[in-house]
Amino acid sequence: MTAIRRALALLLLVPLAWLTACGRPPLEVVIASGSENRTLEPIVQDFCRDRSVTCRFAYQGSLDIGLALAKDPPDMDVVWPANAIWIELFDRDKRVRDLTPVARSPVILGLRRSRAAALGWVGRPVATSEIVAAVRDKKLTYLASSATQSNSGAGAYLAMLSAALGSPDAMTLADLRKPGLQDTVRTLLSGTTRTAGSSAWLADLYLKGLEGGTAYDGMWNYEAVLAETNAELTRRGAEPLYAIYPSDGVAAANSPLGFVDRGKGAEARAFFDALLKHMLSPEVQGRLVALGRRPAIGEATGAAPDPSWNYDPARLVPLIRMPEPAVVRAALDLYQEALRRPSLTVYCLDFSGSMGGRGETELKAAMRFVLSHDEAAQVLVQNGPGDRIVVIPFDAAPRSVTRATGAAADAASLVEAVEANRAGGGTDIYACAAAGLREIRATPDLGRYLPAIVLMTDGRSEDRQRDFLTLWRATGADIPVFGVTFGDADATQLDTLAEATRARVFDGRRSLREAFRAVRGYN
């Protein structure tokens, strides 16, 4: 070894804390992580503190992590998505190095135990065909995250496709065109009563439903998230979710860690290598098992099962064969445009005087994006022909109402309706939201759709929240009111509406386009 190489090797062995003590700035590491890793963050943070490294977690959906890799430079040093497939789909410049699984968790169906018992599914294997029959007979509904925005949703969906195919082989593009396969999966997805852009938020939605008197039948989610949810249900004295492992195969998250080189040098690379080694160590793998995960390799031997809800992390489960990335992408487009339960979305758009200038320009650009099939399809949020869209611009009162389908041919009329507006007047978010409720209730065959109101504003209106929520409750339907903030908007009113209707608020101050894209994962 040359003198230079020996010196470099010694440098990599110098403790990061010593380097910091000698006056070098402490290393800062941004970890782009899926929301399902929140309960694992303390393990990583302990490791970071031991090395005097500042680690900041940026929780994002799996799709968001993939899309963020296109930035130059990317705004993360480490990626930790739920599955490597999202990196394979979107990391076109191969920025991620040494992507290595550190834990696994299958995506399964958790049902209220009473519902599972009523269906006769307690204590025996359940095939996907039985789930199809229960949905078709109106005996079962569930929550599920979006297949195009969240890995848990994608995992459940890909397993549905595999089961409908009825073959152990990986799916092909030709398989996706089979009418029988599409009909079966469309039926399965019609059982979805609410959707979400992340697995963690979906679990929160289930719990909020109980708090609000709505007992959802269950949800598709990670085995580990179901374990965490059941721990909370037990604490509340509530009925647990019974684990259904479809006997014809499931998809599993593999939680890979990967390094993103954005010019921080050997110190950042050495930290990643040490972190990866730490996460794969027997000690940490044991801690992951204790938190409901399965180890990166092998089964979770010694993990404590809980027969009360059919949980056994050491159980062998049949895994589907993951298709090639091109097939996954085609399957996700098929989900978004043809197979998922259609959405019914009312866009309440603030054109009050304070939106003049930049606000009006950005709002119109965001709506052109979200309504354009080709642009929205680049990030898998395109509307399908079965969707229904209502646009209501407002100021101190609702303006005109424009209705259309999600078909590409209808987009022009919706965009034209948005473009015709100019900022001016006061702000009344509740009047527009109430108009949106009336539009939803007047929709023929409302039960076919997943309804939602998206309320975008940069201001604050006279507080008529009580009147609106009285009207909302009178509808008797599960209609979330999502908020999108802009400018100097006071989010208090939107937060209250979102909390009361089991929705959430998205921050559009940096990018209205990104906010509208994100909200599509929840409808």
Protein backbone atom coordinates (compact mmCIF):
# COMPACT_ATOMS: atom_id res chain seq x y z
CA MET A 1 0.00 0.00 0.00
CA THR A 2 1.34 3.41 -0.91
CA ALA A 3 1.81 6.12 1.71
CA ILE A 4 -1.14 8.06 0.28
CA ARG A 5 -3.43 5.05 0.42
CA ARG A 6 -2.38 4.30 3.99
CA ALA A 7 -3.13 7.88 4.98
CA LEU A 8 -6.60 7.72 3.38
CA ALA A 9 -7.34 4.41 5.09
CA LEU A 10 -6.35 5.86 8.47
CA LEU A 11 -8.53 8.91 7.86
CA LEU A 12 -11.60 6.74 7.41
CA LEU A 13 -10.92 5.15 10.78
CA VAL A 14 -10.75 8.45 12.66
CA PRO A 15 -13.87 8.82 14.86
CA LEU A 16 -16.20 11.50 13.58
CA ALA A 17 -16.43 12.95 17.08
CA TRP A 18 -12.64 13.55 17.06
CA LEU A 19 -12.86 15.33 13.71
CA THR A 20 -15.59 17.54 15.12
CA ALA A 21 -13.51 18.30 18.20
CA CYS A 22 -10.65 19.43 15.94
CA GLY A 23 -12.77 22.19 14.50
CA ARG A 24 -14.35 20.57 11.46
CA PRO A 25 -18.08 21.22 11.14
CA PRO A 26 -20.21 18.28 12.27
CA LEU A 27 -21.55 16.07 9.53
CA GLU A 28 -25.24 16.57 8.74
CA VAL A 29 -27.11 13.73 7.07
CA VAL A 30 -30.61 13.90 5.59
CA ILE A 31 -32.41 10.56 5.49
CA ALA A 32 -35.37 10.41 3.10
CA SER A 33 -37.54 7.77 4.73
CA GLY A 34 -40.92 6.13 4.37
CA SER A 35 -43.42 6.94 7.13
CA GLU A 36 -43.47 3.31 8.27
CA ASN A 37 -39.95 3.82 9.69
CA ARG A 38 -40.98 6.38 12.32
CA THR A 39 -40.83 3.81 15.11
CA LEU A 40 -37.34 2.80 13.94
CA GLU A 41 -35.92 6.34 13.91
CA PRO A 42 -34.68 6.17 17.55
CA ILE A 43 -32.36 3.29 16.60
CA VAL A 44 -30.76 5.42 13.91
CA GLN A 45 -30.66 8.57 16.02
CA ASP A 46 -28.82 6.74 18.81
CA PHE A 47 -26.22 5.68 16.26
CA CYS A 48 -25.94 9.25 14.94
CA ARG A 49 -25.46 10.74 18.40
CA ASP A 50 -22.74 8.23 19.21
CA ARG A 51 -20.81 9.56 16.21
CA SER A 52 -21.67 13.25 16.73
CA VAL A 53 -23.53 13.30 13.42
CA THR A 54 -26.71 15.34 12.99
CA CYS A 55 -29.31 13.15 11.30
CA ARG A 56 -32.54 14.65 10.01
CA PHE A 57 -35.37 12.42 8.85
CA ALA A 58 -37.48 13.67 5.95
CA TYR A 59 -40.57 11.46 5.90
CA GLN A 60 -42.03 11.07 2.43
CA GLY A 61 -44.09 8.63 0.42
CA SER A 62 -42.20 6.05 -1.60
CA LEU A 63 -43.04 7.87 -4.82
CA ASP A 64 -41.81 11.18 -3.37
CA ILE A 65 -38.47 9.61 -2.50
CA GLY A 66 -38.10 8.32 -6.05
CA LEU A 67 -39.08 11.66 -7.60
CA ALA A 68 -36.72 13.61 -5.33
CA LEU A 69 -33.77 11.77 -6.86
CA ALA A 70 -34.32 13.74 -10.07
CA LYS A 71 -33.33 16.99 -8.35
CA ASP A 72 -29.80 18.24 -9.01
CA PRO A 73 -28.39 17.75 -6.48
CA PRO A 74 -30.87 15.56 -4.59
CA ASP A 75 -31.80 16.90 -1.15
CA MET A 76 -30.92 13.72 0.74
CA ASP A 77 -27.83 11.72 1.67
CA VAL A 78 -29.50 8.43 2.47
CA VAL A 79 -32.70 6.89 1.10
CA TRP A 80 -34.80 4.50 3.16
CA PRO A 81 -37.96 3.72 1.14
CA ALA A 82 -40.26 0.82 1.82
CA ASN A 83 -39.19 -1.03 -1.30
CA ALA A 84 -36.38 -0.92 -3.82
CA ILE A 85 -38.87 -0.89 -6.70
CA TRP A 86 -39.44 2.87 -6.28
CA ILE A 87 -35.74 3.55 -6.74
CA GLU A 88 -35.63 1.26 -9.76
CA LEU A 89 -38.59 3.10 -11.29
CA PHE A 90 -37.37 6.67 -10.84
CA ASP A 91 -33.60 6.73 -10.24
CA ARG A 92 -32.79 7.11 -13.92
CA ASP A 93 -29.37 8.66 -13.26
CA LYS A 94 -28.40 5.85 -10.85
CA ARG A 95 -27.65 8.24 -7.99
CA VAL A 96 -28.36 5.65 -5.29
CA ARG A 97 -25.49 3.34 -4.41
CA ASP A 98 -25.43 0.07 -2.48
CA LEU A 99 -29.18 -0.18 -1.91
CA THR A 100 -29.43 -2.94 0.70
CA PRO A 101 -32.53 -4.35 2.48
CA VAL A 102 -32.41 -4.07 6.28
CA ALA A 103 -35.85 -5.42 7.29
CA ARG A 104 -39.00 -6.92 5.82
CA SER A 105 -42.73 -6.63 6.44
CA PRO A 106 -45.49 -8.26 4.37
CA VAL A 107 -48.56 -6.26 3.32
CA ILE A 108 -51.64 -8.03 4.70
CA LEU A 109 -55.29 -7.37 5.47
CA GLY A 110 -56.20 -6.46 9.04
CA LEU A 111 -59.91 -6.80 9.87
CA ARG A 112 -61.85 -6.08 13.01
CA ARG A 113 -61.92 -9.47 14.69
CA SER A 114 -65.74 -9.45 14.79
CA ARG A 115 -65.84 -8.87 11.03
CA ALA A 116 -63.30 -11.63 10.39
CA ALA A 117 -65.37 -13.97 12.59
CA ALA A 118 -68.60 -13.07 10.79
CA LEU A 119 -66.92 -13.97 7.50
CA GLY A 120 -65.73 -17.28 8.95
CA TRP A 121 -62.07 -16.40 8.51
CA VAL A 122 -60.79 -16.83 12.05
CA GLY A 123 -58.39 -19.71 12.55
CA ARG A 124 -58.01 -20.80 8.93
CA PRO A 125 -56.24 -19.79 5.68
CA VAL A 126 -58.07 -17.27 3.50
CA ALA A 127 -57.65 -17.09 -0.28
CA THR A 128 -57.91 -13.87 -2.29
CA SER A 129 -60.94 -15.32 -4.09
CA GLU A 130 -62.78 -15.30 -0.76
CA ILE A 131 -61.94 -11.63 -0.26
CA VAL A 132 -63.25 -10.93 -3.78
CA ALA A 133 -66.51 -12.70 -2.97
CA ALA A 134 -66.95 -10.81 0.31
CA VAL A 135 -66.46 -7.45 -1.42
CA ARG A 136 -68.76 -8.41 -4.28
CA ASP A 137 -71.46 -9.46 -1.80
CA LYS A 138 -71.17 -6.12 0.05
CA LYS A 139 -69.95 -7.89 3.21
CA LEU A 140 -66.54 -6.23 3.36
CA THR A 141 -64.92 -2.83 2.86
CA TYR A 142 -61.51 -1.54 3.92
CA LEU A 143 -59.02 1.30 3.95
CA ALA A 144 -56.06 1.10 1.58
CA SER A 145 -53.26 3.48 0.68
CA SER A 146 -52.86 4.60 -2.93
CA ALA A 147 -51.01 2.08 -5.08
CA THR A 148 -49.32 4.89 -7.01
CA GLN A 149 -48.25 6.96 -4.01
CA SER A 150 -47.51 4.49 -1.21
CA ASN A 151 -45.65 1.19 -1.18
CA SER A 152 -48.17 -0.54 1.10
CA GLY A 153 -50.90 0.29 -1.42
CA ALA A 154 -48.71 -0.88 -4.30
CA GLY A 155 -47.88 -4.09 -2.46
CA ALA A 156 -51.52 -4.93 -1.79
CA TYR A 157 -52.42 -4.11 -5.40
CA LEU A 158 -49.61 -6.13 -6.98
CA ALA A 159 -50.54 -9.11 -4.81
CA MET A 160 -54.16 -8.75 -5.98
CA LEU A 161 -52.99 -8.83 -9.60
CA SER A 162 -50.81 -11.85 -8.95
CA ALA A 163 -53.67 -13.73 -7.27
CA ALA A 164 -56.05 -12.87 -10.11
CA LEU A 165 -53.46 -14.16 -12.58
CA GLY A 166 -53.37 -17.47 -10.74
CA SER A 167 -49.81 -18.25 -11.77
CA PRO A 168 -46.57 -18.40 -9.77
CA ASP A 169 -44.75 -16.62 -12.60
CA ALA A 170 -44.06 -12.91 -12.50
CA MET A 171 -46.64 -10.82 -14.35
CA THR A 172 -46.00 -9.65 -17.88
CA LEU A 173 -47.43 -6.77 -19.89
CA ALA A 174 -49.63 -9.25 -21.75
CA ASP A 175 -51.09 -10.49 -18.45
CA LEU A 176 -52.22 -6.97 -17.54
CA ARG A 177 -54.42 -6.86 -20.64
CA LYS A 178 -56.46 -9.91 -19.62
CA PRO A 179 -60.10 -8.85 -19.01
CA GLY A 180 -60.67 -11.48 -16.31
CA LEU A 181 -57.68 -10.22 -14.33
CA GLN A 182 -58.85 -6.63 -14.59
CA ASP A 183 -62.42 -7.47 -13.55
CA THR A 184 -61.25 -9.37 -10.46
CA VAL A 185 -58.92 -6.63 -9.27
CA ARG A 186 -61.44 -3.90 -10.03
CA THR A 187 -63.87 -5.73 -7.75
CA LEU A 188 -61.27 -5.98 -4.99
CA LEU A 189 -60.44 -2.29 -5.22
CA SER A 190 -64.13 -1.35 -5.15
CA GLY A 191 -64.05 -2.37 -1.48
CA THR A 192 -61.86 0.65 -0.69
CA THR A 193 -63.78 3.24 1.35
CA ARG A 194 -60.93 5.68 1.99
CA THR A 195 -57.41 5.91 0.67
CA ALA A 196 -54.20 7.63 1.75
CA GLY A 197 -50.77 8.61 0.55
CA SER A 198 -48.91 6.83 3.36
CA SER A 199 -49.25 3.70 5.48
CA ALA A 200 -48.78 5.58 8.77
CA TRP A 201 -51.52 8.10 7.95
CA LEU A 202 -53.82 5.24 6.97
CA ALA A 203 -53.37 3.68 10.41
CA ASP A 204 -54.10 7.06 12.01
CA LEU A 205 -57.27 7.29 9.89
CA TYR A 206 -58.45 3.93 11.21
CA LEU A 207 -57.96 5.12 14.79
CA LYS A 208 -59.63 8.48 14.10
CA GLY A 209 -62.59 6.63 12.65
CA LEU A 210 -63.08 4.84 15.98
CA GLU A 211 -62.81 8.15 17.82
CA GLY A 212 -65.48 9.64 15.58
CA GLY A 213 -67.84 6.68 15.83
CA THR A 214 -66.97 5.18 12.43
CA ALA A 215 -65.73 1.60 12.74
CA TYR A 216 -64.02 0.83 9.44
CA ASP A 217 -63.94 -2.90 8.68
CA GLY A 218 -60.16 -2.88 8.44
CA MET A 219 -57.20 -1.92 6.29
CA TRP A 220 -54.49 -3.24 4.02
CA ASN A 221 -51.18 -2.37 5.65
CA TYR A 222 -47.82 -3.71 6.75
CA GLU A 223 -47.77 -6.48 9.32
CA ALA A 224 -45.57 -4.20 11.44
CA VAL A 225 -48.02 -1.27 11.23
CA LEU A 226 -50.88 -3.57 12.19
CA ALA A 227 -48.85 -4.66 15.22
CA GLU A 228 -48.35 -1.02 16.22
CA THR A 229 -52.03 -0.23 15.62
CA ASN A 230 -53.16 -3.20 17.70
CA ALA A 231 -50.90 -2.11 20.54
CA GLU A 232 -52.74 1.22 20.54
CA LEU A 233 -56.15 -0.47 20.23
CA THR A 234 -55.29 -2.65 23.22
CA ARG A 235 -54.30 0.44 25.20
CA ARG A 236 -57.71 1.94 24.39
CA GLY A 237 -59.56 -1.27 25.21
CA ALA A 238 -60.79 -1.48 21.61
CA GLU A 239 -61.30 -4.45 19.33
CA PRO A 240 -58.09 -5.63 17.63
CA LEU A 241 -57.47 -6.07 13.93
CA TYR A 242 -57.26 -9.74 12.95
CA ALA A 243 -54.44 -10.52 10.51
CA ILE A 244 -55.42 -12.10 7.19
CA TYR A 245 -52.43 -13.44 5.24
CA PRO A 246 -53.84 -14.24 1.75
CA SER A 247 -52.86 -17.84 1.10
CA ASP A 248 -52.06 -17.23 -2.56
CA GLY A 249 -49.32 -14.72 -1.89
CA VAL A 250 -48.42 -11.32 -0.49
CA ALA A 251 -45.92 -8.59 -1.35
CA ALA A 252 -43.42 -7.45 1.25
CA ALA A 253 -41.54 -4.25 1.97
CA ASN A 254 -37.78 -4.78 2.17
CA SER A 255 -36.83 -1.38 3.68
CA PRO A 256 -33.55 -0.83 1.78
CA LEU A 257 -30.93 1.72 2.82
CA GLY A 258 -29.05 3.41 0.00
CA PHE A 259 -26.30 6.04 -0.23
CA VAL A 260 -26.72 9.21 -2.30
CA ASP A 261 -23.45 10.95 -3.11
CA ARG A 262 -24.04 14.68 -3.26
CA GLY A 263 -20.49 15.85 -2.75
CA LYS A 264 -20.00 15.54 1.01
CA GLY A 265 -16.91 13.41 0.54
CA ALA A 266 -15.42 10.38 2.27
CA GLU A 267 -16.86 11.29 5.67
CA ALA A 268 -20.45 10.92 4.46
CA ARG A 269 -19.66 7.66 2.69
CA ALA A 270 -17.92 6.25 5.78
CA PHE A 271 -20.92 7.18 7.91
CA PHE A 272 -23.33 5.39 5.57
CA ASP A 273 -21.19 2.25 5.48
CA ALA A 274 -21.08 2.21 9.28
CA LEU A 275 -24.83 2.83 9.55
CA LEU A 276 -25.63 0.01 7.14
CA LYS A 277 -23.35 -2.37 9.04
CA HIS A 278 -25.01 -1.30 12.30
CA MET A 279 -28.55 -1.88 10.97
CA LEU A 280 -27.59 -5.37 9.77
CA SER A 281 -25.87 -6.31 13.04
CA PRO A 282 -27.46 -9.13 15.09
CA GLU A 283 -28.22 -6.71 17.92
CA VAL A 284 -30.16 -4.25 15.76
CA GLN A 285 -31.86 -6.98 13.75
CA GLY A 286 -33.12 -8.31 17.07
CA ARG A 287 -34.45 -4.87 17.99
CA LEU A 288 -36.22 -4.63 14.62
CA VAL A 289 -37.87 -7.98 15.25
CA ALA A 290 -39.04 -6.74 18.66
CA LEU A 291 -40.67 -3.82 16.79
CA GLY A 292 -42.66 -6.13 14.53
CA ARG A 293 -40.30 -6.30 11.55
CA ARG A 294 -38.86 -9.41 10.03
CA PRO A 295 -35.08 -9.55 9.69
CA ALA A 296 -33.36 -8.77 6.40
CA ILE A 297 -32.38 -12.44 6.00
CA GLY A 298 -34.13 -15.48 7.44
CA GLU A 299 -37.17 -15.65 9.65
CA ALA A 300 -37.86 -13.82 12.91
CA THR A 301 -36.93 -16.68 15.19
CA GLY A 302 -37.78 -16.01 18.80
CA ALA A 303 -40.34 -13.33 17.92
CA ALA A 304 -43.41 -13.42 20.14
CA PRO A 305 -46.59 -14.36 18.28
CA ASP A 306 -50.00 -13.12 19.41
CA PRO A 307 -52.72 -15.67 18.56
CA SER A 308 -55.46 -13.25 19.63
CA TRP A 309 -55.07 -11.47 16.31
CA ASN A 310 -53.32 -14.20 14.29
CA TYR A 311 -49.95 -12.44 14.44
CA ASP A 312 -46.81 -14.50 13.97
CA PRO A 313 -43.78 -12.72 12.51
CA ALA A 314 -41.93 -16.04 12.29
CA ARG A 315 -44.64 -17.56 10.07
CA LEU A 316 -43.60 -18.44 6.56
CA VAL A 317 -45.75 -16.48 4.11
CA PRO A 318 -45.88 -17.06 0.35
CA LEU A 319 -44.40 -14.06 -1.49
CA ILE A 320 -45.39 -13.05 -4.99
CA ARG A 321 -42.71 -12.71 -7.64
CA MET A 322 -42.16 -9.01 -8.29
CA PRO A 323 -42.55 -8.06 -11.98
CA GLU A 324 -39.94 -6.16 -13.97
CA PRO A 325 -39.96 -2.37 -13.39
CA ALA A 326 -41.60 -1.73 -16.78
CA VAL A 327 -44.47 -4.06 -15.86
CA VAL A 328 -44.83 -2.42 -12.43
CA ARG A 329 -45.06 0.98 -14.10
CA ALA A 330 -47.73 -0.26 -16.53
CA ALA A 331 -49.64 -1.86 -13.65
CA LEU A 332 -49.61 1.42 -11.71
CA ASP A 333 -50.92 3.33 -14.73
CA LEU A 334 -53.66 0.71 -15.07
CA TYR A 335 -54.57 1.19 -11.42
CA GLN A 336 -54.72 4.96 -11.71
CA GLU A 337 -56.70 5.10 -14.93
CA ALA A 338 -58.98 2.07 -14.88
CA LEU A 339 -59.03 -0.24 -11.85
CA ARG A 340 -59.18 1.83 -8.65
CA ARG A 341 -62.51 2.97 -7.27
CA PRO A 342 -63.30 6.21 -9.13
CA SER A 343 -62.89 9.48 -7.27
CA LEU A 344 -65.36 12.35 -7.04
CA THR A 345 -63.36 15.47 -6.31
CA VAL A 346 -64.64 18.99 -5.72
CA TYR A 347 -61.93 21.64 -6.05
CA CYS A 348 -62.77 24.82 -4.13
CA LEU A 349 -60.29 27.38 -5.48
CA ASP A 350 -59.66 30.73 -3.78
CA PHE A 351 -59.76 33.66 -6.22
CA SER A 352 -60.18 36.35 -3.57
CA GLY A 353 -58.34 39.66 -3.91
CA SER A 354 -55.30 38.53 -1.92
CA MET A 355 -54.62 35.83 -4.54
CA GLY A 356 -53.81 38.49 -7.14
CA GLY A 357 -50.48 38.27 -8.96
CA ARG A 358 -48.29 35.32 -7.99
CA GLY A 359 -51.10 33.44 -6.24
CA GLU A 360 -53.42 33.51 -9.23
CA THR A 361 -50.61 32.52 -11.59
CA GLU A 362 -49.46 29.59 -9.48
CA LEU A 363 -52.98 28.33 -8.82
CA LYS A 364 -53.81 28.25 -12.51
CA ALA A 365 -50.53 26.50 -13.31
CA ALA A 366 -51.15 23.90 -10.59
CA MET A 367 -54.62 23.17 -11.90
CA ARG A 368 -53.37 22.88 -15.48
CA PHE A 369 -50.93 20.27 -14.20
CA VAL A 370 -53.34 18.24 -12.10
CA LEU A 371 -55.99 18.23 -14.85
CA SER A 372 -53.58 17.39 -17.68
CA HIS A 373 -53.44 13.65 -18.29
CA ASP A 374 -49.94 13.61 -19.76
CA GLU A 375 -48.33 15.89 -17.17
CA ALA A 376 -50.04 14.26 -14.20
CA ALA A 377 -49.22 10.78 -15.53
CA GLN A 378 -45.50 11.51 -15.17
CA VAL A 379 -45.99 11.33 -11.39
CA LEU A 380 -48.86 8.81 -11.43
CA VAL A 381 -51.69 11.13 -10.37
CA GLN A 382 -53.61 11.30 -13.65
CA ASN A 383 -57.40 11.19 -13.59
CA GLY A 384 -59.23 8.30 -15.20
CA PRO A 385 -62.35 8.45 -17.37
CA GLY A 386 -64.44 7.05 -14.51
CA ASP A 387 -63.54 9.94 -12.19
CA ARG A 388 -65.82 12.91 -11.66
CA ILE A 389 -64.42 16.42 -11.15
CA VAL A 390 -66.16 19.60 -10.00
CA VAL A 391 -64.39 22.98 -10.05
CA ILE A 392 -65.82 25.82 -7.93
CA PRO A 393 -63.83 29.09 -7.86
CA PHE A 394 -64.82 31.33 -4.96
CA ASP A 395 -64.23 34.64 -3.23
CA ALA A 396 -66.84 35.92 -0.76
CA ALA A 397 -69.24 33.44 -2.37
CA PRO A 398 -68.99 30.52 -4.80
CA ARG A 399 -68.69 31.55 -8.42
CA SER A 400 -69.64 29.30 -11.35
CA VAL A 401 -69.64 25.49 -11.08
CA THR A 402 -68.02 23.35 -13.77
CA ARG A 403 -68.54 19.59 -13.87
CA ALA A 404 -66.70 17.03 -16.00
CA THR A 405 -65.32 13.51 -16.07
CA GLY A 406 -61.66 12.66 -15.65
CA ALA A 407 -61.35 11.74 -19.33
CA ALA A 408 -58.49 13.50 -21.12
CA ALA A 409 -60.97 15.06 -23.54
CA ASP A 410 -62.80 16.82 -20.69
CA ALA A 411 -59.70 18.47 -19.25
CA ALA A 412 -59.89 21.47 -21.60
CA SER A 413 -63.29 22.60 -20.30
CA LEU A 414 -62.10 22.37 -16.70
CA VAL A 415 -58.89 24.29 -17.42
CA GLU A 416 -60.87 26.92 -19.33
CA ALA A 417 -63.19 27.36 -16.34
CA VAL A 418 -60.21 27.96 -14.05
CA GLU A 419 -58.44 30.30 -16.48
CA ALA A 420 -61.55 32.48 -16.83
CA ASN A 421 -61.26 33.67 -13.23
CA ARG A 422 -59.50 36.76 -11.93
CA ALA A 423 -58.63 37.49 -8.32
CA GLY A 424 -60.92 39.86 -6.49
CA GLY A 425 -63.33 40.09 -3.57
CA GLY A 426 -63.42 38.65 -0.07
CA THR A 427 -62.99 35.09 1.23
CA ASP A 428 -65.58 32.58 2.43
CA ILE A 429 -64.22 29.05 2.51
CA TYR A 430 -67.30 27.63 4.22
CA ALA A 431 -69.72 28.78 1.52
CA CYS A 432 -67.66 27.00 -1.13
CA ALA A 433 -67.24 23.88 0.99
CA ALA A 434 -71.01 23.76 1.53
CA ALA A 435 -71.56 24.12 -2.22
CA GLY A 436 -69.14 21.24 -2.70
CA LEU A 437 -71.16 19.07 -0.30
CA ARG A 438 -74.33 19.80 -2.23
CA GLU A 439 -72.61 18.85 -5.49
CA ILE A 440 -71.45 15.54 -4.02
CA ARG A 441 -74.85 14.68 -2.56
CA ALA A 442 -76.52 15.43 -5.91
CA THR A 443 -74.22 13.06 -7.81
CA PRO A 444 -76.13 10.08 -9.25
CA ASP A 445 -74.91 6.68 -8.01
CA LEU A 446 -72.75 8.34 -5.36
CA GLY A 447 -71.82 4.98 -3.84
CA ARG A 448 -69.56 4.22 -6.81
CA TYR A 449 -67.13 7.00 -5.92
CA LEU A 450 -64.60 8.04 -3.30
CA PRO A 451 -65.76 11.62 -2.62
CA ALA A 452 -63.61 14.46 -1.34
CA ILE A 453 -63.46 18.24 -1.19
CA VAL A 454 -60.12 19.97 -1.78
CA LEU A 455 -60.25 23.47 -0.32
CA MET A 456 -57.41 25.76 -1.37
CA THR A 457 -57.06 29.21 0.19
CA ASP A 458 -54.53 31.89 1.09
CA GLY A 459 -56.72 33.64 3.63
CA ARG A 460 -59.09 33.38 6.52
CA SER A 461 -62.83 33.78 6.39
CA GLU A 462 -65.59 34.63 8.83
CA ASP A 463 -65.94 31.64 11.14
CA ARG A 464 -68.99 29.67 10.08
CA GLN A 465 -67.40 26.36 10.88
CA ARG A 466 -70.23 25.13 13.12
CA ASP A 467 -72.85 25.63 10.39
CA PHE A 468 -70.74 23.79 7.85
CA LEU A 469 -69.98 20.84 10.11
CA THR A 470 -73.67 20.54 10.97
CA LEU A 471 -74.37 20.28 7.24
CA TRP A 472 -71.47 17.82 6.81
CA ARG A 473 -72.78 15.50 9.52
CA ALA A 474 -76.28 15.65 8.06
CA THR A 475 -75.00 14.17 4.79
CA GLY A 476 -74.21 10.94 6.61
CA ALA A 477 -71.31 10.27 4.25
CA ASP A 478 -67.56 9.95 4.84
CA ILE A 479 -66.49 13.03 2.88
CA PRO A 480 -63.04 14.36 3.80
CA VAL A 481 -62.29 18.07 3.39
CA PHE A 482 -58.61 18.41 2.51
CA GLY A 483 -56.95 21.79 2.86
CA VAL A 484 -54.23 23.36 0.71
CA THR A 485 -52.60 26.50 2.10
CA PHE A 486 -50.88 29.26 0.15
CA GLY A 487 -49.12 32.52 0.95
CA ASP A 488 -49.83 33.85 4.42
CA ALA A 489 -52.84 31.61 4.98
CA ASP A 490 -53.75 30.90 8.59
CA ALA A 491 -54.13 27.14 8.55
CA THR A 492 -56.20 27.07 11.75
CA GLN A 493 -59.57 26.94 10.00
CA LEU A 494 -58.39 24.34 7.47
CA ASP A 495 -56.83 22.25 10.24
CA THR A 496 -60.12 22.22 12.14
CA LEU A 497 -62.10 21.16 9.06
CA ALA A 498 -59.55 18.47 8.23
CA GLU A 499 -59.55 17.11 11.77
CA ALA A 500 -63.35 17.01 11.95
CA THR A 501 -63.68 15.24 8.58
CA ARG A 502 -60.71 12.86 8.99
CA ALA A 503 -58.63 14.61 6.34
CA ARG A 504 -55.35 16.55 6.36
CA VAL A 505 -53.87 19.87 5.26
CA PHE A 506 -51.13 20.22 2.64
CA ASP A 507 -48.67 23.11 2.59
CA GLY A 508 -48.75 24.77 -0.82
CA ARG A 509 -46.61 27.76 0.12
CA ARG A 510 -43.51 26.40 -1.57
CA SER A 511 -45.35 24.76 -4.47
CA LEU A 512 -49.06 24.58 -5.13
CA ARG A 513 -48.34 22.04 -7.84
CA GLU A 514 -46.69 19.68 -5.36
CA ALA A 515 -49.50 20.18 -2.84
CA PHE A 516 -52.17 19.30 -5.39
CA ARG A 517 -50.12 16.28 -6.49
CA ALA A 518 -49.83 15.07 -2.90
CA VAL A 519 -53.54 15.40 -2.19
CA ARG A 520 -54.31 13.12 -5.15
CA GLY A 521 -52.83 10.24 -3.15
CA TYR A 522 -55.67 10.66 -0.65
CA ASN A 523 -58.50 10.54 -3.18
